[in-house]
Amino acid sequence: MALDLPTTLTTERLLLRPPVAEDAEQLHRLVNDWAVVRMLSRLPFPYPRTLTDEWIASTAEQRIKGSAYHLVITGQEDGKELVIGCVGLRLDKTPNVANLGYWVGRQFWGHGVATEVVGRVARWALANLPVARVEAHVAEDNPASAAVLRRVGLREVGTGREEFLARGGDHPVIRFEATRDDLFGAVETPAPTPDAAPGKPLLLVAACALIDVDNRVLLARRPEGKKMAGLWEFPGGKLNPGETPEQALIRELKEELGIDVAEACLAPFAFASHDYDRFHLLMPLFLCRRWKGTPTGVEGQALAWVRPNKLTEYDMPAADKPLIPLLRDFL
């Protein structure tokens, strides 16, 4: 699955971009500092300048392979770009985990840089990379970094030991992780009606499998800022009071994809019934082969036309997954 990812990220005050050869001097000056390096498990001390050049050269290849994403943290001073530090993500594809690490030059400590950057990158990772959680570890004697991770929403999940090259041995660390629910919040529980029976409230959602002339199915990826950001799903959404599933889909497909669909073009196909922690979801799935307009990610969401036998390669909500074999066999 190809990833079309932005090369830069922004925060309120900062720009995060891939490193280039011209950054080497500033990066080396900032990181070749015992107060910085001693908290980084993978770097030696002293940190040779040649390693800085080699590391910068390696980052582009890692990004192309999708094995790691490294970004230089920069700000502005007197109208000129100023290098502040680095943040990176290493991907472990077997358990679908992104390992997050960062450092900030000592002269920039105490200005909220780490909190601003780590929160931004962690949310970006879960919304845009093929990962289910973000992990990080910090040395036990680095309470400031542990406080940053807690502040942006990572949870402490245990302790361990890691080798720190600069310190010449392994040292105790605190381990943290975050899932989509931690950083984006869980799906809101439907408000109970006055005459509702005891038990979990029912959430009614309508979904649509748009099918093109090549028998490919359209999936949409939930963008940053939404619950379950980063998961791929069939377009659709919640029913408003008084709406039928068909009416809801006509509205949602217009709002989300900018296309017009007639009710006669929506064919009921199957439904999903899934028990979540706080509610039960019922989701009818419709098929649609005819619409007006070109599907576009109106809300900034990524779209993918997927062959039926490739649908399982996309990370989807638990409720959508049972529909995949039914759809694959039908198509």
Protein backbone atom coordinates (compact mmCIF):
# COMPACT_ATOMS: atom_id res chain seq x y z
CA MET A 1 0.00 0.00 0.00
CA ALA A 2 1.65 3.22 -1.12
CA LEU A 3 1.66 6.14 1.27
CA ASP A 4 1.33 9.69 -0.06
CA LEU A 5 2.61 11.61 2.94
CA PRO A 6 3.49 15.27 3.39
CA THR A 7 7.19 16.09 3.64
CA THR A 8 6.68 18.69 6.38
CA LEU A 9 4.51 19.16 9.45
CA THR A 10 3.69 22.38 11.25
CA THR A 11 2.75 23.31 14.79
CA GLU A 12 1.65 26.64 16.21
CA ARG A 13 5.25 27.91 16.33
CA LEU A 14 7.44 25.37 14.56
CA LEU A 15 8.16 23.66 11.25
CA LEU A 16 9.14 19.98 11.13
CA ARG A 17 10.88 18.94 7.91
CA PRO A 18 13.21 16.23 6.60
CA PRO A 19 16.89 16.88 7.37
CA VAL A 20 19.22 18.07 4.61
CA ALA A 21 23.02 18.11 4.37
CA GLU A 22 23.13 21.81 5.23
CA ASP A 23 21.68 21.06 8.68
CA ALA A 24 24.68 18.97 9.75
CA GLU A 25 26.67 21.74 11.41
CA GLN A 26 23.78 23.02 13.56
CA LEU A 27 22.55 19.51 14.42
CA HIS A 28 26.01 18.34 15.46
CA ARG A 29 26.59 21.40 17.63
CA LEU A 30 23.29 20.85 19.46
CA VAL A 31 23.40 17.08 19.92
CA ASN A 32 27.11 16.77 20.81
CA ASP A 33 26.26 17.85 24.34
CA TRP A 34 26.49 15.45 27.28
CA ALA A 35 23.25 16.81 28.78
CA VAL A 36 21.42 15.84 25.55
CA VAL A 37 23.21 12.66 24.48
CA ARG A 38 23.11 10.96 27.86
CA MET A 39 19.33 10.70 27.55
CA LEU A 40 19.42 9.15 24.04
CA SER A 41 19.91 5.40 23.95
CA ARG A 42 21.30 5.08 20.42
CA LEU A 43 23.93 7.84 20.32
CA PRO A 44 27.55 7.70 21.52
CA PHE A 45 29.47 10.47 23.23
CA PRO A 46 31.37 12.27 21.96
CA TYR A 47 29.18 12.26 18.86
CA PRO A 48 31.38 12.49 15.74
CA ARG A 49 30.46 14.95 13.02
CA THR A 50 30.78 12.17 10.41
CA LEU A 51 27.89 10.34 12.09
CA THR A 52 25.71 13.41 11.63
CA ASP A 53 26.40 13.44 7.91
CA GLU A 54 25.80 9.69 7.62
CA TRP A 55 22.55 9.91 9.59
CA ILE A 56 21.19 12.71 7.41
CA ALA A 57 22.03 10.75 4.26
CA SER A 58 20.24 7.66 5.62
CA THR A 59 16.97 9.39 6.48
CA ALA A 60 15.74 9.82 2.90
CA GLU A 61 16.21 6.12 2.14
CA GLN A 62 14.41 5.14 5.35
CA ARG A 63 11.51 7.39 4.48
CA ILE A 64 11.23 5.92 0.97
CA LYS A 65 11.21 2.40 2.44
CA GLY A 66 8.65 3.41 5.05
CA SER A 67 10.86 2.11 7.87
CA ALA A 68 11.42 5.44 9.64
CA TYR A 69 10.43 9.09 9.47
CA HIS A 70 12.92 11.64 10.84
CA LEU A 71 12.22 15.35 11.01
CA VAL A 72 14.30 18.36 12.01
CA ILE A 73 12.57 20.77 14.40
CA THR A 74 13.01 24.35 13.23
CA GLY A 75 11.85 27.78 14.30
CA GLN A 76 12.34 31.36 13.19
CA GLU A 77 14.70 33.94 14.67
CA ASP A 78 15.09 37.37 13.05
CA GLY A 79 13.53 36.01 9.90
CA LYS A 80 15.99 33.11 9.60
CA GLU A 81 15.42 29.40 10.11
CA LEU A 82 16.86 28.05 13.34
CA VAL A 83 17.43 24.34 14.01
CA ILE A 84 16.11 23.36 17.45
CA GLY A 85 16.29 19.56 17.57
CA CYS A 86 14.97 16.37 15.98
CA VAL A 87 12.00 14.03 16.27
CA GLY A 88 11.70 10.59 14.71
CA LEU A 89 9.52 7.52 14.27
CA ARG A 90 10.83 4.01 13.65
CA LEU A 91 8.24 1.55 12.37
CA ASP A 92 8.02 -2.05 13.52
CA LYS A 93 5.64 -3.56 10.97
CA THR A 94 5.06 -6.88 12.71
CA PRO A 95 3.07 -5.46 15.65
CA ASN A 96 2.17 -2.23 13.75
CA VAL A 97 3.98 0.04 16.18
CA ALA A 98 5.75 3.37 15.73
CA ASN A 99 8.62 3.96 18.17
CA LEU A 100 8.92 7.66 18.91
CA GLY A 101 12.06 9.50 19.96
CA TYR A 102 13.14 13.12 20.09
CA TRP A 103 15.71 15.56 21.41
CA VAL A 104 15.82 19.33 21.81
CA GLY A 105 18.96 21.44 22.07
CA ARG A 106 19.72 22.50 25.64
CA GLN A 107 19.38 26.23 24.91
CA PHE A 108 15.73 25.62 23.91
CA TRP A 109 14.67 23.69 27.02
CA GLY A 110 11.84 25.12 29.09
CA HIS A 111 9.93 26.66 26.17
CA GLY A 112 7.36 23.91 25.56
CA VAL A 113 9.03 22.76 22.34
CA ALA A 114 8.99 19.06 23.20
CA THR A 115 5.32 19.02 24.20
CA GLU A 116 4.31 20.87 21.04
CA VAL A 117 6.34 18.61 18.76
CA VAL A 118 5.78 15.21 20.38
CA GLY A 119 2.01 15.66 20.51
CA ARG A 120 1.89 16.73 16.88
CA VAL A 121 4.03 13.85 15.62
CA ALA A 122 2.26 11.19 17.70
CA ARG A 123 -1.13 12.26 16.38
CA TRP A 124 0.20 12.45 12.82
CA ALA A 125 1.64 8.94 13.10
CA LEU A 126 -1.63 7.33 14.20
CA ALA A 127 -3.62 9.22 11.57
CA ASN A 128 -1.28 8.65 8.61
CA LEU A 129 1.01 5.67 9.15
CA PRO A 130 0.07 1.95 9.13
CA VAL A 131 0.39 1.65 12.92
CA ALA A 132 -2.03 0.87 15.74
CA ARG A 133 -0.07 2.51 18.55
CA VAL A 134 2.87 4.77 19.34
CA GLU A 135 5.48 3.67 21.87
CA ALA A 136 8.29 5.53 23.59
CA HIS A 137 10.70 4.95 26.44
CA VAL A 138 12.61 7.39 28.64
CA ALA A 139 15.39 6.92 31.14
CA GLU A 140 14.16 6.79 34.73
CA ASP A 141 16.39 9.77 35.55
CA ASN A 142 14.72 11.88 32.84
CA PRO A 143 11.52 13.07 34.57
CA ALA A 144 11.12 16.05 32.23
CA SER A 145 10.75 13.80 29.18
CA ALA A 146 8.39 11.46 31.04
CA ALA A 147 6.25 14.49 31.92
CA VAL A 148 6.13 15.47 28.23
CA LEU A 149 4.86 12.04 27.19
CA ARG A 150 2.17 12.05 29.88
CA ARG A 151 1.13 15.58 28.95
CA VAL A 152 0.50 14.71 25.29
CA GLY A 153 -1.54 11.60 26.14
CA LEU A 154 0.84 8.63 26.27
CA ARG A 155 0.24 6.17 29.11
CA GLU A 156 2.88 4.63 31.33
CA VAL A 157 2.72 0.87 30.70
CA GLY A 158 5.75 -0.53 32.49
CA THR A 159 9.47 -0.43 33.00
CA GLY A 160 12.48 -2.12 31.46
CA ARG A 161 16.12 -1.68 30.63
CA GLU A 162 17.77 -0.28 27.50
CA GLU A 163 21.38 0.09 26.46
CA PHE A 164 22.58 3.69 26.39
CA LEU A 165 25.69 3.94 24.23
CA ALA A 166 26.81 7.25 25.70
CA ARG A 167 26.62 5.87 29.25
CA GLY A 168 28.35 2.62 28.36
CA GLY A 169 25.70 0.16 29.57
CA ASP A 170 22.04 -0.58 30.09
CA HIS A 171 19.90 1.58 32.36
CA PRO A 172 16.32 1.45 33.66
CA VAL A 173 13.65 3.04 31.50
CA ILE A 174 9.94 3.82 31.76
CA ARG A 175 7.82 2.62 28.83
CA PHE A 176 4.89 4.56 27.41
CA GLU A 177 2.34 3.95 24.66
CA ALA A 178 -0.74 5.54 23.10
CA THR A 179 -3.52 4.24 20.87
CA ARG A 180 -6.00 6.19 18.78
CA ASP A 181 -8.46 6.30 21.68
CA ASP A 182 -5.76 7.82 23.91
CA LEU A 183 -4.93 10.66 21.54
CA PHE A 184 -8.18 11.20 19.61
CA GLY A 185 -10.75 10.02 22.16
CA ALA A 186 -13.16 7.12 21.96
CA VAL A 187 -16.24 7.21 19.76
CA GLU A 188 -18.96 9.15 21.54
CA THR A 189 -21.64 7.08 23.21
CA PRO A 190 -25.14 7.81 21.85
CA ALA A 191 -27.38 9.65 24.28
CA PRO A 192 -30.03 7.28 25.70
CA THR A 193 -33.66 7.99 24.90
CA PRO A 194 -36.19 8.32 27.75
CA ASP A 195 -37.82 4.99 26.88
CA ALA A 196 -34.57 3.11 26.20
CA ALA A 197 -34.31 -0.41 27.57
CA PRO A 198 -31.56 -1.23 30.06
CA GLY A 199 -28.18 -2.02 28.53
CA LYS A 200 -25.87 -0.39 26.05
CA PRO A 201 -27.24 2.35 23.78
CA LEU A 202 -27.56 1.52 20.07
CA LEU A 203 -25.59 3.55 17.52
CA LEU A 204 -27.05 3.36 14.00
CA VAL A 205 -24.61 4.11 11.18
CA ALA A 206 -25.05 3.70 7.41
CA ALA A 207 -22.11 2.84 5.14
CA CYS A 208 -21.67 2.56 1.39
CA ALA A 209 -19.32 0.55 -0.80
CA LEU A 210 -18.81 2.64 -3.92
CA ILE A 211 -17.75 0.33 -6.76
CA ASP A 212 -16.12 1.64 -9.95
CA VAL A 213 -16.09 0.15 -13.46
CA ASP A 214 -13.00 -1.90 -12.58
CA ASN A 215 -14.80 -3.48 -9.61
CA ARG A 216 -12.64 -1.58 -7.13
CA VAL A 217 -14.08 -0.42 -3.81
CA LEU A 218 -13.56 3.07 -2.40
CA LEU A 219 -12.16 3.34 1.13
CA ALA A 220 -11.73 6.60 3.03
CA ARG A 221 -9.19 7.20 5.79
CA ARG A 222 -10.41 9.09 8.84
CA PRO A 223 -8.33 12.30 9.08
CA GLU A 224 -6.60 13.85 12.07
CA GLY A 225 -9.02 15.47 14.48
CA LYS A 226 -11.65 12.73 14.14
CA LYS A 227 -12.28 9.74 16.35
CA MET A 228 -10.44 6.64 15.11
CA ALA A 229 -8.24 8.82 12.88
CA GLY A 230 -6.04 6.77 10.59
CA LEU A 231 -8.44 3.84 10.11
CA TRP A 232 -9.86 3.08 6.66
CA GLU A 233 -13.61 2.71 6.32
CA PHE A 234 -16.52 2.57 3.93
CA PRO A 235 -17.87 6.14 3.50
CA GLY A 236 -20.97 6.97 5.50
CA GLY A 237 -21.95 8.13 8.94
CA LYS A 238 -24.48 8.39 11.73
CA LEU A 239 -28.17 8.76 11.05
CA ASN A 240 -29.68 12.04 12.11
CA PRO A 241 -33.04 11.93 13.92
CA GLY A 242 -35.80 11.04 11.47
CA GLU A 243 -33.43 9.98 8.66
CA THR A 244 -33.56 6.69 6.84
CA PRO A 245 -30.23 4.96 6.10
CA GLU A 246 -30.59 5.92 2.44
CA GLN A 247 -31.19 9.59 3.28
CA ALA A 248 -28.22 9.59 5.64
CA LEU A 249 -25.94 8.14 2.97
CA ILE A 250 -27.05 10.63 0.32
CA ARG A 251 -26.21 13.45 2.77
CA GLU A 252 -22.93 11.93 3.99
CA LEU A 253 -21.62 11.11 0.51
CA LYS A 254 -22.27 14.69 -0.56
CA GLU A 255 -20.59 16.14 2.54
CA GLU A 256 -17.63 13.75 2.62
CA LEU A 257 -16.95 13.05 -1.05
CA GLY A 258 -18.74 15.79 -2.97
CA ILE A 259 -20.82 13.35 -5.04
CA ASP A 260 -24.55 13.11 -5.69
CA VAL A 261 -26.24 9.74 -5.27
CA ALA A 262 -29.84 8.88 -6.01
CA GLU A 263 -31.71 6.66 -3.55
CA ALA A 264 -32.50 4.23 -6.38
CA CYS A 265 -28.75 3.66 -6.85
CA LEU A 266 -28.25 2.44 -3.26
CA ALA A 267 -28.69 -1.32 -2.99
CA PRO A 268 -28.87 -2.90 0.51
CA PHE A 269 -26.17 -5.57 0.74
CA ALA A 270 -25.33 -6.63 4.32
CA PHE A 271 -25.10 -5.29 7.84
CA ALA A 272 -22.64 -5.31 10.72
CA SER A 273 -23.62 -5.74 14.36
CA HIS A 274 -20.71 -5.02 16.70
CA ASP A 275 -20.47 -4.72 20.47
CA TYR A 276 -18.18 -1.88 21.57
CA ASP A 277 -17.29 -1.13 25.18
CA ARG A 278 -19.84 1.63 25.67
CA PHE A 279 -22.41 1.05 22.92
CA HIS A 280 -23.62 -1.44 20.31
CA LEU A 281 -23.22 -0.50 16.66
CA LEU A 282 -25.61 -1.53 13.90
CA MET A 283 -24.39 -0.63 10.42
CA PRO A 284 -26.21 -1.49 7.16
CA LEU A 285 -23.87 -1.57 4.15
CA PHE A 286 -25.18 -0.47 0.76
CA LEU A 287 -23.63 -0.95 -2.68
CA CYS A 288 -23.50 1.85 -5.22
CA ARG A 289 -22.19 1.76 -8.81
CA ARG A 290 -23.64 5.02 -10.12
CA TRP A 291 -23.14 8.57 -8.88
CA LYS A 292 -22.58 12.09 -10.21
CA GLY A 293 -19.24 13.79 -9.70
CA THR A 294 -15.75 12.59 -8.80
CA PRO A 295 -15.19 11.34 -5.25
CA THR A 296 -12.89 13.78 -3.45
CA GLY A 297 -11.73 13.95 0.16
CA VAL A 298 -13.74 17.05 1.04
CA GLU A 299 -12.72 16.81 4.71
CA GLY A 300 -9.05 16.25 3.91
CA GLN A 301 -9.32 12.46 4.15
CA ALA A 302 -7.22 10.18 1.98
CA LEU A 303 -9.10 7.97 -0.49
CA ALA A 304 -8.11 4.64 -2.03
CA TRP A 305 -9.69 2.54 -4.76
CA VAL A 306 -8.99 -1.01 -3.62
CA ARG A 307 -9.27 -4.38 -5.32
CA PRO A 308 -11.58 -6.70 -3.35
CA ASN A 309 -8.76 -9.15 -2.60
CA LYS A 310 -6.64 -6.31 -1.17
CA LEU A 311 -9.19 -4.96 1.31
CA THR A 312 -7.71 -6.94 4.21
CA GLU A 313 -4.45 -4.99 3.82
CA TYR A 314 -6.15 -1.85 5.11
CA ASP A 315 -6.58 -1.31 8.85
CA MET A 316 -10.32 -0.84 9.42
CA PRO A 317 -12.63 -0.44 12.43
CA ALA A 318 -13.66 -3.70 14.06
CA ALA A 319 -17.26 -3.31 12.86
CA ASP A 320 -16.20 -3.06 9.20
CA LYS A 321 -13.96 -6.12 9.08
CA PRO A 322 -16.71 -8.85 8.94
CA LEU A 323 -18.10 -7.15 5.84
CA ILE A 324 -14.88 -7.60 3.85
CA PRO A 325 -15.19 -11.34 3.02
CA LEU A 326 -18.85 -10.88 2.06
CA LEU A 327 -17.96 -8.05 -0.27
CA ARG A 328 -14.92 -9.85 -1.66
CA ASP A 329 -16.92 -12.99 -2.47
CA PHE A 330 -19.70 -11.00 -4.08
CA LEU A 331 -17.38 -9.00 -6.32
